[in-house]
Amino acid sequence: GSLRLSCAASGSIFSINAMGWYRQAPG
């Protein structure tokens, strides 16, 4: 199957030039 994840940013983002998705499984 498929999913589409979204990450919405707000606030002071002047110095933010890159974003990433990370994942962590239990343990």
mmCIF file of all heavy atoms, coordinates in Angstrom:
data_MODEL
# 
_entry.id   MODEL 
# 
loop_
_atom_site.group_PDB 
_atom_site.id 
_atom_site.type_symbol 
_atom_site.label_atom_id 
_atom_site.label_alt_id 
_atom_site.label_comp_id 
_atom_site.label_asym_id 
_atom_site.label_entity_id 
_atom_site.label_seq_id 
_atom_site.pdbx_PDB_ins_code 
_atom_site.Cartn_x 
_atom_site.Cartn_y 
_atom_site.Cartn_z 
_atom_site.occupancy 
_atom_site.B_iso_or_equiv 
_atom_site.pdbx_formal_charge 
_atom_site.auth_seq_id 
_atom_site.auth_comp_id 
_atom_site.auth_asym_id 
_atom_site.auth_atom_id 
_atom_site.pdbx_PDB_model_num 
ATOM 1   N N   . GLY A 1 1  ? 0.799  -1.206 0.000  1.00 0.00 ? 1  GLY A N   1 
ATOM 2   C CA  . GLY A 1 1  ? 0.000  0.000  0.000  1.00 0.00 ? 1  GLY A CA  1 
ATOM 3   C C   . GLY A 1 1  ? 0.836  1.260  0.000  1.00 0.00 ? 1  GLY A C   1 
ATOM 4   O O   . GLY A 1 1  ? 2.065  1.225  -0.030 1.00 0.00 ? 1  GLY A O   1 
ATOM 5   N N   . SER A 1 2  ? 0.141  2.391  0.062  1.00 0.00 ? 2  SER A N   1 
ATOM 6   C CA  . SER A 1 2  ? 0.798  3.689  -0.019 1.00 0.00 ? 2  SER A CA  1 
ATOM 7   C C   . SER A 1 2  ? 0.289  4.625  1.064  1.00 0.00 ? 2  SER A C   1 
ATOM 8   O O   . SER A 1 2  ? -0.853 4.525  1.510  1.00 0.00 ? 2  SER A O   1 
ATOM 9   C CB  . SER A 1 2  ? 0.560  4.337  -1.387 1.00 0.00 ? 2  SER A CB  1 
ATOM 10  O OG  . SER A 1 2  ? 1.090  3.556  -2.433 1.00 0.00 ? 2  SER A OG  1 
ATOM 11  N N   . LEU A 1 3  ? 1.151  5.535  1.464  1.00 0.00 ? 3  LEU A N   1 
ATOM 12  C CA  . LEU A 1 3  ? 0.805  6.604  2.380  1.00 0.00 ? 3  LEU A CA  1 
ATOM 13  C C   . LEU A 1 3  ? 1.546  7.857  1.961  1.00 0.00 ? 3  LEU A C   1 
ATOM 14  O O   . LEU A 1 3  ? 2.631  7.779  1.380  1.00 0.00 ? 3  LEU A O   1 
ATOM 15  C CB  . LEU A 1 3  ? 1.181  6.269  3.822  1.00 0.00 ? 3  LEU A CB  1 
ATOM 16  C CG  . LEU A 1 3  ? 0.297  5.300  4.600  1.00 0.00 ? 3  LEU A CG  1 
ATOM 17  C CD1 . LEU A 1 3  ? 0.931  4.998  5.947  1.00 0.00 ? 3  LEU A CD1 1 
ATOM 18  C CD2 . LEU A 1 3  ? -1.101 5.868  4.787  1.00 0.00 ? 3  LEU A CD2 1 
ATOM 19  N N   . ARG A 1 4  ? 0.969  8.994  2.284  1.00 0.00 ? 4  ARG A N   1 
ATOM 20  C CA  . ARG A 1 4  ? 1.627  10.270 2.063  1.00 0.00 ? 4  ARG A CA  1 
ATOM 21  C C   . ARG A 1 4  ? 1.696  11.016 3.378  1.00 0.00 ? 4  ARG A C   1 
ATOM 22  O O   . ARG A 1 4  ? 0.669  11.412 3.934  1.00 0.00 ? 4  ARG A O   1 
ATOM 23  C CB  . ARG A 1 4  ? 0.884  11.111 1.034  1.00 0.00 ? 4  ARG A CB  1 
ATOM 24  C CG  . ARG A 1 4  ? 1.655  12.351 0.588  1.00 0.00 ? 4  ARG A CG  1 
ATOM 25  C CD  . ARG A 1 4  ? 0.769  13.306 -0.177 1.00 0.00 ? 4  ARG A CD  1 
ATOM 26  N NE  . ARG A 1 4  ? 1.537  14.359 -0.834 1.00 0.00 ? 4  ARG A NE  1 
ATOM 27  C CZ  . ARG A 1 4  ? 1.001  15.500 -1.266 1.00 0.00 ? 4  ARG A CZ  1 
ATOM 28  N NH1 . ARG A 1 4  ? -0.294 15.724 -1.130 1.00 0.00 ? 4  ARG A NH1 1 
ATOM 29  N NH2 . ARG A 1 4  ? 1.777  16.398 -1.864 1.00 0.00 ? 4  ARG A NH2 1 
ATOM 30  N N   . LEU A 1 5  ? 2.901  11.208 3.867  1.00 0.00 ? 5  LEU A N   1 
ATOM 31  C CA  . LEU A 1 5  ? 3.115  11.919 5.103  1.00 0.00 ? 5  LEU A CA  1 
ATOM 32  C C   . LEU A 1 5  ? 3.376  13.395 4.827  1.00 0.00 ? 5  LEU A C   1 
ATOM 33  O O   . LEU A 1 5  ? 3.965  13.749 3.807  1.00 0.00 ? 5  LEU A O   1 
ATOM 34  C CB  . LEU A 1 5  ? 4.303  11.335 5.869  1.00 0.00 ? 5  LEU A CB  1 
ATOM 35  C CG  . LEU A 1 5  ? 4.295  9.820  6.098  1.00 0.00 ? 5  LEU A CG  1 
ATOM 36  C CD1 . LEU A 1 5  ? 5.493  9.419  6.942  1.00 0.00 ? 5  LEU A CD1 1 
ATOM 37  C CD2 . LEU A 1 5  ? 2.996  9.370  6.745  1.00 0.00 ? 5  LEU A CD2 1 
ATOM 38  N N   . SER A 1 6  ? 2.946  14.233 5.753  1.00 0.00 ? 6  SER A N   1 
ATOM 39  C CA  . SER A 1 6  ? 3.154  15.665 5.632  1.00 0.00 ? 6  SER A CA  1 
ATOM 40  C C   . SER A 1 6  ? 3.859  16.185 6.870  1.00 0.00 ? 6  SER A C   1 
ATOM 41  O O   . SER A 1 6  ? 3.598  15.730 7.989  1.00 0.00 ? 6  SER A O   1 
ATOM 42  C CB  . SER A 1 6  ? 1.819  16.403 5.458  1.00 0.00 ? 6  SER A CB  1 
ATOM 43  O OG  . SER A 1 6  ? 1.166  16.008 4.277  1.00 0.00 ? 6  SER A OG  1 
ATOM 44  N N   . CYS A 1 7  ? 4.736  17.140 6.670  1.00 0.00 ? 7  CYS A N   1 
ATOM 45  C CA  . CYS A 1 7  ? 5.430  17.819 7.750  1.00 0.00 ? 7  CYS A CA  1 
ATOM 46  C C   . CYS A 1 7  ? 5.298  19.309 7.513  1.00 0.00 ? 7  CYS A C   1 
ATOM 47  O O   . CYS A 1 7  ? 5.908  19.855 6.587  1.00 0.00 ? 7  CYS A O   1 
ATOM 48  C CB  . CYS A 1 7  ? 6.901  17.406 7.802  1.00 0.00 ? 7  CYS A CB  1 
ATOM 49  S SG  . CYS A 1 7  ? 7.901  18.337 8.983  1.00 0.00 ? 7  CYS A SG  1 
ATOM 50  N N   . ALA A 1 8  ? 4.507  19.954 8.338  1.00 0.00 ? 8  ALA A N   1 
ATOM 51  C CA  . ALA A 1 8  ? 4.268  21.381 8.208  1.00 0.00 ? 8  ALA A CA  1 
ATOM 52  C C   . ALA A 1 8  ? 5.141  22.144 9.193  1.00 0.00 ? 8  ALA A C   1 
ATOM 53  O O   . ALA A 1 8  ? 5.139  21.848 10.387 1.00 0.00 ? 8  ALA A O   1 
ATOM 54  C CB  . ALA A 1 8  ? 2.796  21.693 8.445  1.00 0.00 ? 8  ALA A CB  1 
ATOM 55  N N   . ALA A 1 9  ? 5.864  23.121 8.690  1.00 0.00 ? 9  ALA A N   1 
ATOM 56  C CA  . ALA A 1 9  ? 6.764  23.920 9.504  1.00 0.00 ? 9  ALA A CA  1 
ATOM 57  C C   . ALA A 1 9  ? 6.203  25.318 9.699  1.00 0.00 ? 9  ALA A C   1 
ATOM 58  O O   . ALA A 1 9  ? 5.589  25.896 8.803  1.00 0.00 ? 9  ALA A O   1 
ATOM 59  C CB  . ALA A 1 9  ? 8.145  24.005 8.858  1.00 0.00 ? 9  ALA A CB  1 
ATOM 60  N N   . SER A 1 10 ? 6.446  25.860 10.882 1.00 0.00 ? 10 SER A N   1 
ATOM 61  C CA  . SER A 1 10 ? 6.042  27.223 11.182 1.00 0.00 ? 10 SER A CA  1 
ATOM 62  C C   . SER A 1 10 ? 7.050  27.830 12.142 1.00 0.00 ? 10 SER A C   1 
ATOM 63  O O   . SER A 1 10 ? 7.842  27.125 12.759 1.00 0.00 ? 10 SER A O   1 
ATOM 64  C CB  . SER A 1 10 ? 4.637  27.267 11.778 1.00 0.00 ? 10 SER A CB  1 
ATOM 65  O OG  . SER A 1 10 ? 4.581  26.561 13.007 1.00 0.00 ? 10 SER A OG  1 
ATOM 66  N N   . GLY A 1 11 ? 7.013  29.146 12.264 1.00 0.00 ? 11 GLY A N   1 
ATOM 67  C CA  . GLY A 1 11 ? 7.922  29.837 13.156 1.00 0.00 ? 11 GLY A CA  1 
ATOM 68  C C   . GLY A 1 11 ? 9.105  30.434 12.422 1.00 0.00 ? 11 GLY A C   1 
ATOM 69  O O   . GLY A 1 11 ? 9.014  30.772 11.241 1.00 0.00 ? 11 GLY A O   1 
ATOM 70  N N   . SER A 1 12 ? 10.224 30.544 13.107 1.00 0.00 ? 12 SER A N   1 
ATOM 71  C CA  . SER A 1 12 ? 11.433 31.140 12.559 1.00 0.00 ? 12 SER A CA  1 
ATOM 72  C C   . SER A 1 12 ? 12.201 30.110 11.756 1.00 0.00 ? 12 SER A C   1 
ATOM 73  O O   . SER A 1 12 ? 12.876 29.241 12.316 1.00 0.00 ? 12 SER A O   1 
ATOM 74  C CB  . SER A 1 12 ? 12.300 31.699 13.690 1.00 0.00 ? 12 SER A CB  1 
ATOM 75  O OG  . SER A 1 12 ? 11.602 32.677 14.443 1.00 0.00 ? 12 SER A OG  1 
ATOM 76  N N   . ILE A 1 13 ? 12.109 30.211 10.445 1.00 0.00 ? 13 ILE A N   1 
ATOM 77  C CA  . ILE A 1 13 ? 12.727 29.222 9.566  1.00 0.00 ? 13 ILE A CA  1 
ATOM 78  C C   . ILE A 1 13 ? 13.794 29.843 8.675  1.00 0.00 ? 13 ILE A C   1 
ATOM 79  O O   . ILE A 1 13 ? 14.145 29.273 7.640  1.00 0.00 ? 13 ILE A O   1 
ATOM 80  C CB  . ILE A 1 13 ? 11.669 28.517 8.703  1.00 0.00 ? 13 ILE A CB  1 
ATOM 81  C CG1 . ILE A 1 13 ? 10.906 29.537 7.848  1.00 0.00 ? 13 ILE A CG1 1 
ATOM 82  C CG2 . ILE A 1 13 ? 10.711 27.740 9.588  1.00 0.00 ? 13 ILE A CG2 1 
ATOM 83  C CD1 . ILE A 1 13 ? 9.922  28.906 6.879  1.00 0.00 ? 13 ILE A CD1 1 
ATOM 84  N N   . PHE A 1 14 ? 14.324 30.991 9.073  1.00 0.00 ? 14 PHE A N   1 
ATOM 85  C CA  . PHE A 1 14 ? 15.270 31.699 8.219  1.00 0.00 ? 14 PHE A CA  1 
ATOM 86  C C   . PHE A 1 14 ? 16.507 30.874 7.899  1.00 0.00 ? 14 PHE A C   1 
ATOM 87  O O   . PHE A 1 14 ? 17.006 30.912 6.770  1.00 0.00 ? 14 PHE A O   1 
ATOM 88  C CB  . PHE A 1 14 ? 15.688 33.011 8.893  1.00 0.00 ? 14 PHE A CB  1 
ATOM 89  C CG  . PHE A 1 14 ? 14.551 33.844 9.385  1.00 0.00 ? 14 PHE A CG  1 
ATOM 90  C CD1 . PHE A 1 14 ? 14.267 33.912 10.735 1.00 0.00 ? 14 PHE A CD1 1 
ATOM 91  C CD2 . PHE A 1 14 ? 13.769 34.558 8.502  1.00 0.00 ? 14 PHE A CD2 1 
ATOM 92  C CE1 . PHE A 1 14 ? 13.222 34.679 11.194 1.00 0.00 ? 14 PHE A CE1 1 
ATOM 93  C CE2 . PHE A 1 14 ? 12.719 35.329 8.949  1.00 0.00 ? 14 PHE A CE2 1 
ATOM 94  C CZ  . PHE A 1 14 ? 12.446 35.389 10.302 1.00 0.00 ? 14 PHE A CZ  1 
ATOM 95  N N   . SER A 1 15 ? 17.019 30.173 8.879  1.00 0.00 ? 15 SER A N   1 
ATOM 96  C CA  . SER A 1 15 ? 18.251 29.417 8.705  1.00 0.00 ? 15 SER A CA  1 
ATOM 97  C C   . SER A 1 15 ? 18.025 27.973 8.283  1.00 0.00 ? 15 SER A C   1 
ATOM 98  O O   . SER A 1 15 ? 18.980 27.211 8.189  1.00 0.00 ? 15 SER A O   1 
ATOM 99  C CB  . SER A 1 15 ? 19.067 29.434 10.000 1.00 0.00 ? 15 SER A CB  1 
ATOM 100 O OG  . SER A 1 15 ? 18.360 28.810 11.055 1.00 0.00 ? 15 SER A OG  1 
ATOM 101 N N   . ILE A 1 16 ? 16.792 27.602 8.024  1.00 0.00 ? 16 ILE A N   1 
ATOM 102 C CA  . ILE A 1 16 ? 16.460 26.235 7.649  1.00 0.00 ? 16 ILE A CA  1 
ATOM 103 C C   . ILE A 1 16 ? 16.521 26.099 6.136  1.00 0.00 ? 16 ILE A C   1 
ATOM 104 O O   . ILE A 1 16 ? 15.703 26.682 5.422  1.00 0.00 ? 16 ILE A O   1 
ATOM 105 C CB  . ILE A 1 16 ? 15.082 25.831 8.172  1.00 0.00 ? 16 ILE A CB  1 
ATOM 106 C CG1 . ILE A 1 16 ? 15.027 25.980 9.697  1.00 0.00 ? 16 ILE A CG1 1 
ATOM 107 C CG2 . ILE A 1 16 ? 14.757 24.412 7.744  1.00 0.00 ? 16 ILE A CG2 1 
ATOM 108 C CD1 . ILE A 1 16 ? 16.051 25.146 10.428 1.00 0.00 ? 16 ILE A CD1 1 
ATOM 109 N N   . ASN A 1 17 ? 17.469 25.325 5.654  1.00 0.00 ? 17 ASN A N   1 
ATOM 110 C CA  . ASN A 1 17 ? 17.635 25.117 4.225  1.00 0.00 ? 17 ASN A CA  1 
ATOM 111 C C   . ASN A 1 17 ? 17.357 23.693 3.782  1.00 0.00 ? 17 ASN A C   1 
ATOM 112 O O   . ASN A 1 17 ? 17.300 23.437 2.583  1.00 0.00 ? 17 ASN A O   1 
ATOM 113 C CB  . ASN A 1 17 ? 19.050 25.496 3.794  1.00 0.00 ? 17 ASN A CB  1 
ATOM 114 C CG  . ASN A 1 17 ? 19.346 26.958 4.015  1.00 0.00 ? 17 ASN A CG  1 
ATOM 115 O OD1 . ASN A 1 17 ? 18.540 27.825 3.662  1.00 0.00 ? 17 ASN A OD1 1 
ATOM 116 N ND2 . ASN A 1 17 ? 20.505 27.242 4.588  1.00 0.00 ? 17 ASN A ND2 1 
ATOM 117 N N   . ALA A 1 18 ? 17.197 22.796 4.721  1.00 0.00 ? 18 ALA A N   1 
ATOM 118 C CA  . ALA A 1 18 ? 16.954 21.405 4.388  1.00 0.00 ? 18 ALA A CA  1 
ATOM 119 C C   . ALA A 1 18 ? 16.082 20.764 5.455  1.00 0.00 ? 18 ALA A C   1 
ATOM 120 O O   . ALA A 1 18 ? 16.153 21.120 6.629  1.00 0.00 ? 18 ALA A O   1 
ATOM 121 C CB  . ALA A 1 18 ? 18.270 20.637 4.254  1.00 0.00 ? 18 ALA A CB  1 
ATOM 122 N N   . MET A 1 19 ? 15.279 19.809 5.025  1.00 0.00 ? 19 MET A N   1 
ATOM 123 C CA  . MET A 1 19 ? 14.431 19.069 5.944  1.00 0.00 ? 19 MET A CA  1 
ATOM 124 C C   . MET A 1 19 ? 14.522 17.592 5.615  1.00 0.00 ? 19 MET A C   1 
ATOM 125 O O   . MET A 1 19 ? 14.841 17.215 4.487  1.00 0.00 ? 19 MET A O   1 
ATOM 126 C CB  . MET A 1 19 ? 12.981 19.546 5.873  1.00 0.00 ? 19 MET A CB  1 
ATOM 127 C CG  . MET A 1 19 ? 12.800 21.000 6.259  1.00 0.00 ? 19 MET A CG  1 
ATOM 128 S SD  . MET A 1 19 ? 11.068 21.519 6.278  1.00 0.00 ? 19 MET A SD  1 
ATOM 129 C CE  . MET A 1 19 ? 10.466 20.581 7.686  1.00 0.00 ? 19 MET A CE  1 
ATOM 130 N N   . GLY A 1 20 ? 14.229 16.786 6.606  1.00 0.00 ? 20 GLY A N   1 
ATOM 131 C CA  . GLY A 1 20 ? 14.314 15.358 6.398  1.00 0.00 ? 20 GLY A CA  1 
ATOM 132 C C   . GLY A 1 20 ? 13.267 14.592 7.173  1.00 0.00 ? 20 GLY A C   1 
ATOM 133 O O   . GLY A 1 20 ? 12.726 15.080 8.166  1.00 0.00 ? 20 GLY A O   1 
ATOM 134 N N   . TRP A 1 21 ? 12.993 13.403 6.679  1.00 0.00 ? 21 TRP A N   1 
ATOM 135 C CA  . TRP A 1 21 ? 12.140 12.448 7.357  1.00 0.00 ? 21 TRP A CA  1 
ATOM 136 C C   . TRP A 1 21 ? 13.004 11.351 7.954  1.00 0.00 ? 21 TRP A C   1 
ATOM 137 O O   . TRP A 1 21 ? 13.886 10.814 7.280  1.00 0.00 ? 21 TRP A O   1 
ATOM 138 C CB  . TRP A 1 21 ? 11.120 11.837 6.402  1.00 0.00 ? 21 TRP A CB  1 
ATOM 139 C CG  . TRP A 1 21 ? 9.932  12.709 6.127  1.00 0.00 ? 21 TRP A CG  1 
ATOM 140 C CD1 . TRP A 1 21 ? 9.732  13.507 5.050  1.00 0.00 ? 21 TRP A CD1 1 
ATOM 141 C CD2 . TRP A 1 21 ? 8.772  12.831 6.949  1.00 0.00 ? 21 TRP A CD2 1 
ATOM 142 N NE1 . TRP A 1 21 ? 8.521  14.135 5.138  1.00 0.00 ? 21 TRP A NE1 1 
ATOM 143 C CE2 . TRP A 1 21 ? 7.905  13.738 6.295  1.00 0.00 ? 21 TRP A CE2 1 
ATOM 144 C CE3 . TRP A 1 21 ? 8.374  12.273 8.161  1.00 0.00 ? 21 TRP A CE3 1 
ATOM 145 C CZ2 . TRP A 1 21 ? 6.668  14.096 6.832  1.00 0.00 ? 21 TRP A CZ2 1 
ATOM 146 C CZ3 . TRP A 1 21 ? 7.150  12.628 8.689  1.00 0.00 ? 21 TRP A CZ3 1 
ATOM 147 C CH2 . TRP A 1 21 ? 6.312  13.531 8.026  1.00 0.00 ? 21 TRP A CH2 1 
ATOM 148 N N   . TYR A 1 22 ? 12.726 11.034 9.203  1.00 0.00 ? 22 TYR A N   1 
ATOM 149 C CA  . TYR A 1 22 ? 13.409 9.972  9.911  1.00 0.00 ? 22 TYR A CA  1 
ATOM 150 C C   . TYR A 1 22 ? 12.377 8.983  10.421 1.00 0.00 ? 22 TYR A C   1 
ATOM 151 O O   . TYR A 1 22 ? 11.195 9.311  10.539 1.00 0.00 ? 22 TYR A O   1 
ATOM 152 C CB  . TYR A 1 22 ? 14.211 10.518 11.095 1.00 0.00 ? 22 TYR A CB  1 
ATOM 153 C CG  . TYR A 1 22 ? 15.186 11.621 10.732 1.00 0.00 ? 22 TYR A CG  1 
ATOM 154 C CD1 . TYR A 1 22 ? 14.753 12.922 10.533 1.00 0.00 ? 22 TYR A CD1 1 
ATOM 155 C CD2 . TYR A 1 22 ? 16.545 11.357 10.612 1.00 0.00 ? 22 TYR A CD2 1 
ATOM 156 C CE1 . TYR A 1 22 ? 15.635 13.933 10.211 1.00 0.00 ? 22 TYR A CE1 1 
ATOM 157 C CE2 . TYR A 1 22 ? 17.443 12.363 10.293 1.00 0.00 ? 22 TYR A CE2 1 
ATOM 158 C CZ  . TYR A 1 22 ? 16.984 13.647 10.095 1.00 0.00 ? 22 TYR A CZ  1 
ATOM 159 O OH  . TYR A 1 22 ? 17.871 14.643 9.784  1.00 0.00 ? 22 TYR A OH  1 
ATOM 160 N N   . ARG A 1 23 ? 12.828 7.789  10.727 1.00 0.00 ? 23 ARG A N   1 
ATOM 161 C CA  . ARG A 1 23 ? 11.923 6.813  11.312 1.00 0.00 ? 23 ARG A CA  1 
ATOM 162 C C   . ARG A 1 23 ? 12.642 6.034  12.396 1.00 0.00 ? 23 ARG A C   1 
ATOM 163 O O   . ARG A 1 23 ? 13.861 5.870  12.358 1.00 0.00 ? 23 ARG A O   1 
ATOM 164 C CB  . ARG A 1 23 ? 11.360 5.857  10.261 1.00 0.00 ? 23 ARG A CB  1 
ATOM 165 C CG  . ARG A 1 23 ? 12.384 4.944  9.605  1.00 0.00 ? 23 ARG A CG  1 
ATOM 166 C CD  . ARG A 1 23 ? 11.726 4.164  8.485  1.00 0.00 ? 23 ARG A CD  1 
ATOM 167 N NE  . ARG A 1 23 ? 12.657 3.264  7.814  1.00 0.00 ? 23 ARG A NE  1 
ATOM 168 C CZ  . ARG A 1 23 ? 12.359 2.580  6.721  1.00 0.00 ? 23 ARG A CZ  1 
ATOM 169 N NH1 . ARG A 1 23 ? 11.145 2.694  6.171  1.00 0.00 ? 23 ARG A NH1 1 
ATOM 170 N NH2 . ARG A 1 23 ? 13.259 1.778  6.171  1.00 0.00 ? 23 ARG A NH2 1 
ATOM 171 N N   . GLN A 1 24 ? 11.861 5.569  13.353 1.00 0.00 ? 24 GLN A N   1 
ATOM 172 C CA  . GLN A 1 24 ? 12.395 4.796  14.453 1.00 0.00 ? 24 GLN A CA  1 
ATOM 173 C C   . GLN A 1 24 ? 11.404 3.711  14.831 1.00 0.00 ? 24 GLN A C   1 
ATOM 174 O O   . GLN A 1 24 ? 10.268 4.002  15.207 1.00 0.00 ? 24 GLN A O   1 
ATOM 175 C CB  . GLN A 1 24 ? 12.692 5.684  15.656 1.00 0.00 ? 24 GLN A CB  1 
ATOM 176 C CG  . GLN A 1 24 ? 13.384 4.963  16.793 1.00 0.00 ? 24 GLN A CG  1 
ATOM 177 C CD  . GLN A 1 24 ? 13.849 5.903  17.884 1.00 0.00 ? 24 GLN A CD  1 
ATOM 178 O OE1 . GLN A 1 24 ? 13.287 6.980  18.078 1.00 0.00 ? 24 GLN A OE1 1 
ATOM 179 N NE2 . GLN A 1 24 ? 14.891 5.504  18.594 1.00 0.00 ? 24 GLN A NE2 1 
ATOM 180 N N   . ALA A 1 25 ? 11.839 2.485  14.711 1.00 0.00 ? 25 ALA A N   1 
ATOM 181 C CA  . ALA A 1 25 ? 11.048 1.351  15.143 1.00 0.00 ? 25 ALA A CA  1 
ATOM 182 C C   . ALA A 1 25 ? 11.359 1.057  16.602 1.00 0.00 ? 25 ALA A C   1 
ATOM 183 O O   . ALA A 1 25 ? 12.424 1.421  17.106 1.00 0.00 ? 25 ALA A O   1 
ATOM 184 C CB  . ALA A 1 25 ? 11.349 0.132  14.274 1.00 0.00 ? 25 ALA A CB  1 
ATOM 185 N N   . PRO A 1 26 ? 10.447 0.411  17.312 1.00 0.00 ? 26 PRO A N   1 
ATOM 186 C CA  . PRO A 1 26 ? 10.690 0.089  18.717 1.00 0.00 ? 26 PRO A CA  1 
ATOM 187 C C   . PRO A 1 26 ? 11.989 -0.677 18.910 1.00 0.00 ? 26 PRO A C   1 
ATOM 188 O O   . PRO A 1 26 ? 12.242 -1.674 18.233 1.00 0.00 ? 26 PRO A O   1 
ATOM 189 C CB  . PRO A 1 26 ? 9.478  -0.757 19.104 1.00 0.00 ? 26 PRO A CB  1 
ATOM 190 C CG  . PRO A 1 26 ? 8.400  -0.312 18.173 1.00 0.00 ? 26 PRO A CG  1 
ATOM 191 C CD  . PRO A 1 26 ? 9.103  -0.021 16.876 1.00 0.00 ? 26 PRO A CD  1 
ATOM 192 N N   . GLY A 1 27 ? 12.816 -0.195 19.826 1.00 0.00 ? 27 GLY A N   1 
ATOM 193 C CA  . GLY A 1 27 ? 14.081 -0.836 20.108 1.00 0.00 ? 27 GLY A CA  1 
ATOM 194 C C   . GLY A 1 27 ? 15.168 -0.589 19.094 1.00 0.00 ? 27 GLY A C   1 
ATOM 195 O O   . GLY A 1 27 ? 16.263 -1.143 19.223 1.00 0.00 ? 27 GLY A O   1 
# 
